[in-house]
Amino acid sequence: MKQRLQTVLRQLLKPAPRHTTLFNGQLLDQKREDVYVVMHQNGLIR
């Protein structure tokens, strides 16, 4: 029983796996341009 409890605790205390995200440079550029246009239209950028 003690060994089973230790096994369960070890599994619970393991760090969560990191999910890798893919960097999408094209999407970043598109969002940057969209934000620039909106700010320009609102008079925040001349």
N, C-alpha and C. Protein backbone atom coordinates (compact mmCIF):
# COMPACT_ATOMS: atom_id res chain seq x y z
N MET A 1 0.83 -1.21 0.00
CA MET A 1 0.00 0.00 0.00
C MET A 1 0.87 1.26 0.00
N LYS A 2 1.90 1.24 0.85
CA LYS A 2 2.79 2.39 0.92
C LYS A 2 3.51 2.61 -0.41
N GLN A 3 3.94 1.52 -1.03
CA GLN A 3 4.65 1.64 -2.31
C GLN A 3 3.70 2.17 -3.38
N ARG A 4 2.47 1.73 -3.37
CA ARG A 4 1.48 2.21 -4.36
C ARG A 4 1.24 3.71 -4.19
N LEU A 5 1.13 4.15 -2.94
CA LEU A 5 0.93 5.57 -2.64
C LEU A 5 2.12 6.40 -3.12
N GLN A 6 3.35 5.89 -2.90
CA GLN A 6 4.53 6.60 -3.35
C GLN A 6 4.57 6.69 -4.87
N THR A 7 4.16 5.62 -5.55
CA THR A 7 4.13 5.63 -7.01
C THR A 7 3.14 6.67 -7.53
N VAL A 8 1.97 6.72 -6.93
CA VAL A 8 0.96 7.69 -7.35
C VAL A 8 1.44 9.11 -7.09
N LEU A 9 2.04 9.35 -5.94
CA LEU A 9 2.55 10.68 -5.62
C LEU A 9 3.66 11.10 -6.59
N ARG A 10 4.54 10.16 -6.96
CA ARG A 10 5.60 10.48 -7.91
C ARG A 10 5.02 10.89 -9.25
N GLN A 11 3.97 10.20 -9.69
CA GLN A 11 3.34 10.54 -10.96
C GLN A 11 2.66 11.90 -10.90
N LEU A 12 2.07 12.23 -9.77
CA LEU A 12 1.40 13.52 -9.63
C LEU A 12 2.39 14.68 -9.56
N LEU A 13 3.56 14.43 -9.04
CA LEU A 13 4.53 15.51 -8.84
C LEU A 13 5.45 15.71 -10.04
N LYS A 14 5.31 14.91 -11.08
CA LYS A 14 6.11 15.11 -12.29
C LYS A 14 5.70 16.41 -12.94
N PRO A 15 6.66 17.16 -13.48
CA PRO A 15 6.29 18.40 -14.17
C PRO A 15 5.45 18.09 -15.40
N ALA A 16 4.53 18.97 -15.68
CA ALA A 16 3.66 18.80 -16.83
C ALA A 16 4.48 18.91 -18.10
N PRO A 17 4.15 18.12 -19.12
CA PRO A 17 4.90 18.21 -20.38
C PRO A 17 4.67 19.56 -21.04
N ARG A 18 5.72 20.09 -21.61
CA ARG A 18 5.61 21.38 -22.30
C ARG A 18 5.13 21.14 -23.72
N HIS A 19 4.11 21.85 -24.09
CA HIS A 19 3.63 21.76 -25.46
C HIS A 19 4.38 22.78 -26.30
N THR A 20 4.94 22.32 -27.36
CA THR A 20 5.69 23.25 -28.21
C THR A 20 4.73 23.95 -29.16
N THR A 21 4.92 25.22 -29.29
CA THR A 21 4.11 25.98 -30.23
C THR A 21 5.01 26.41 -31.39
N LEU A 22 4.46 26.35 -32.56
CA LEU A 22 5.22 26.73 -33.74
C LEU A 22 5.14 28.24 -33.93
N PHE A 23 6.25 28.85 -34.19
CA PHE A 23 6.30 30.29 -34.42
C PHE A 23 5.85 30.56 -35.85
N ASN A 24 4.87 31.43 -35.99
CA ASN A 24 4.34 31.75 -37.31
C ASN A 24 4.68 33.21 -37.60
N GLY A 25 5.80 33.43 -38.27
CA GLY A 25 6.26 34.78 -38.57
C GLY A 25 5.34 35.52 -39.52
N GLN A 26 4.76 34.78 -40.46
CA GLN A 26 3.86 35.42 -41.43
C GLN A 26 2.61 35.95 -40.72
N LEU A 27 2.07 35.18 -39.79
CA LEU A 27 0.89 35.63 -39.04
C LEU A 27 1.24 36.84 -38.18
N LEU A 28 2.42 36.83 -37.58
CA LEU A 28 2.87 37.96 -36.77
C LEU A 28 2.96 39.23 -37.61
N ASP A 29 3.53 39.12 -38.81
CA ASP A 29 3.63 40.27 -39.70
C ASP A 29 2.25 40.79 -40.09
N GLN A 30 1.33 39.88 -40.37
CA GLN A 30 -0.04 40.28 -40.75
C GLN A 30 -0.71 41.03 -39.61
N LYS A 31 -0.59 40.52 -38.39
CA LYS A 31 -1.21 41.18 -37.23
C LYS A 31 -0.56 42.54 -36.99
N ARG A 32 0.74 42.63 -37.17
CA ARG A 32 1.45 43.90 -36.98
C ARG A 32 0.94 44.94 -37.97
N GLU A 33 0.78 44.53 -39.22
CA GLU A 33 0.27 45.45 -40.24
C GLU A 33 -1.16 45.88 -39.93
N ASP A 34 -1.98 44.94 -39.48
CA ASP A 34 -3.37 45.26 -39.14
C ASP A 34 -3.43 46.28 -38.00
N VAL A 35 -2.61 46.09 -36.99
CA VAL A 35 -2.59 47.01 -35.85
C VAL A 35 -2.11 48.39 -36.30
N TYR A 36 -1.10 48.43 -37.15
CA TYR A 36 -0.58 49.70 -37.66
C TYR A 36 -1.67 50.46 -38.42
N VAL A 37 -2.41 49.75 -39.28
CA VAL A 37 -3.47 50.39 -40.07
C VAL A 37 -4.55 50.95 -39.15
N VAL A 38 -4.97 50.18 -38.17
CA VAL A 38 -6.03 50.63 -37.26
C VAL A 38 -5.56 51.83 -36.45
N MET A 39 -4.33 51.80 -35.96
CA MET A 39 -3.82 52.94 -35.19
C MET A 39 -3.70 54.18 -36.07
N HIS A 40 -3.30 54.00 -37.30
CA HIS A 40 -3.18 55.10 -38.24
C HIS A 40 -4.57 55.70 -38.52
N GLN A 41 -5.56 54.85 -38.71
CA GLN A 41 -6.92 55.31 -38.98
C GLN A 41 -7.50 56.07 -37.80
N ASN A 42 -7.11 55.68 -36.59
CA ASN A 42 -7.62 56.33 -35.40
C ASN A 42 -6.81 57.57 -35.02
N GLY A 43 -5.81 57.91 -35.79
CA GLY A 43 -5.02 59.11 -35.54
C GLY A 43 -3.97 58.95 -34.47
N LEU A 44 -3.64 57.71 -34.10
CA LEU A 44 -2.62 57.51 -33.08
C LEU A 44 -1.23 57.55 -33.68
N ILE A 45 -1.14 57.32 -34.98
CA ILE A 45 0.14 57.38 -35.70
C ILE A 45 -0.05 58.29 -36.90
N ARG A 46 0.91 59.16 -37.14
CA ARG A 46 0.82 60.05 -38.30
C ARG A 46 1.73 59.62 -39.39
